[in-house]
Amino acid sequence: MNAMLDRSRKLGFKEVTFTTKPSVMSIGYGLYQRMGFEEVSNTEGTVSMRMELK
């Protein structure tokens, strides 16, 4: 995950967004939150998350 974030920064991306299902990937969901991703929407259990890259 850190390598992907570093590469995204080097490529000039301003943010990273993705979707996940916390009911299926609860460990991953917790990791994403600890890394600083924020939940931006939750539709029927599918969560969109984003992180602004600095």
C-alpha atoms as a PDB file:
ATOM      1  CA  MET A   1       0.000   0.000   0.000  1.00  0.00           C
ATOM      2  CA  ASN A   2       2.777   2.432   0.881  1.00  0.00           C
ATOM      3  CA  ALA A   3       4.572   1.708  -2.396  1.00  0.00           C
ATOM      4  CA  MET A   4       1.360   2.438  -4.325  1.00  0.00           C
ATOM      5  CA  LEU A   5       0.881   5.714  -2.423  1.00  0.00           C
ATOM      6  CA  ASP A   6       4.502   6.747  -3.022  1.00  0.00           C
ATOM      7  CA  ARG A   7       4.205   5.943  -6.729  1.00  0.00           C
ATOM      8  CA  SER A   8       0.942   7.873  -6.978  1.00  0.00           C
ATOM      9  CA  ARG A   9       2.611  10.922  -5.428  1.00  0.00           C
ATOM     10  CA  LYS A  10       5.556  10.662  -7.840  1.00  0.00           C
ATOM     11  CA  LEU A  11       3.120  10.519 -10.750  1.00  0.00           C
ATOM     12  CA  GLY A  12       1.480  13.722  -9.516  1.00  0.00           C
ATOM     13  CA  PHE A  13      -1.825  12.368  -8.281  1.00  0.00           C
ATOM     14  CA  LYS A  14      -3.570  14.602  -5.746  1.00  0.00           C
ATOM     15  CA  GLU A  15      -5.711  11.868  -4.164  1.00  0.00           C
ATOM     16  CA  VAL A  16      -6.382   8.149  -4.151  1.00  0.00           C
ATOM     17  CA  THR A  17      -9.908   6.749  -4.035  1.00  0.00           C
ATOM     18  CA  PHE A  18     -11.226   3.191  -3.985  1.00  0.00           C
ATOM     19  CA  THR A  19     -14.135   1.070  -2.785  1.00  0.00           C
ATOM     20  CA  THR A  20     -14.150  -1.773  -0.293  1.00  0.00           C
ATOM     21  CA  LYS A  21     -16.624  -3.953   1.585  1.00  0.00           C
ATOM     22  CA  PRO A  22     -15.874  -3.810   5.324  1.00  0.00           C
ATOM     23  CA  SER A  23     -18.100  -6.838   5.975  1.00  0.00           C
ATOM     24  CA  VAL A  24     -15.756  -8.907   3.803  1.00  0.00           C
ATOM     25  CA  MET A  25     -12.457  -7.079   4.390  1.00  0.00           C
ATOM     26  CA  SER A  26     -12.700  -5.881   7.990  1.00  0.00           C
ATOM     27  CA  ILE A  27      -8.934  -6.143   8.570  1.00  0.00           C
ATOM     28  CA  GLY A  28      -8.181  -4.194   5.398  1.00  0.00           C
ATOM     29  CA  TYR A  29     -10.814  -1.599   6.249  1.00  0.00           C
ATOM     30  CA  GLY A  30      -9.202  -1.033   9.660  1.00  0.00           C
ATOM     31  CA  LEU A  31      -5.780  -0.733   8.022  1.00  0.00           C
ATOM     32  CA  TYR A  32      -7.059   1.846   5.538  1.00  0.00           C
ATOM     33  CA  GLN A  33      -8.496   3.930   8.386  1.00  0.00           C
ATOM     34  CA  ARG A  34      -5.249   3.747  10.381  1.00  0.00           C
ATOM     35  CA  MET A  35      -3.315   4.825   7.285  1.00  0.00           C
ATOM     36  CA  GLY A  36      -5.442   7.961   7.031  1.00  0.00           C
ATOM     37  CA  PHE A  37      -8.058   7.073   4.431  1.00  0.00           C
ATOM     38  CA  GLU A  38     -11.452   8.614   5.112  1.00  0.00           C
ATOM     39  CA  GLU A  39     -14.821   7.104   4.348  1.00  0.00           C
ATOM     40  CA  VAL A  40     -16.695   9.318   1.900  1.00  0.00           C
ATOM     41  CA  SER A  41     -19.788   7.192   1.227  1.00  0.00           C
ATOM     42  CA  ASN A  42     -21.431   3.925   2.183  1.00  0.00           C
ATOM     43  CA  THR A  43     -23.942   2.410  -0.217  1.00  0.00           C
ATOM     44  CA  GLU A  44     -25.420  -0.915   0.801  1.00  0.00           C
ATOM     45  CA  GLY A  45     -22.201  -1.972   2.540  1.00  0.00           C
ATOM     46  CA  THR A  46     -19.808  -0.829  -0.188  1.00  0.00           C
ATOM     47  CA  VAL A  47     -17.645   1.957   1.183  1.00  0.00           C
ATOM     48  CA  SER A  48     -15.808   4.562  -0.876  1.00  0.00           C
ATOM     49  CA  MET A  49     -12.608   5.795   0.724  1.00  0.00           C
ATOM     50  CA  ARG A  50     -10.167   8.544  -0.184  1.00  0.00           C
ATOM     51  CA  MET A  51      -6.850   9.985   0.869  1.00  0.00           C
ATOM     52  CA  GLU A  52      -5.458  13.342  -0.161  1.00  0.00           C
ATOM     53  CA  LEU A  53      -1.838  12.960  -1.204  1.00  0.00           C
ATOM     54  CA  LYS A  54       0.635  15.527   0.029  1.00  0.00           C
END
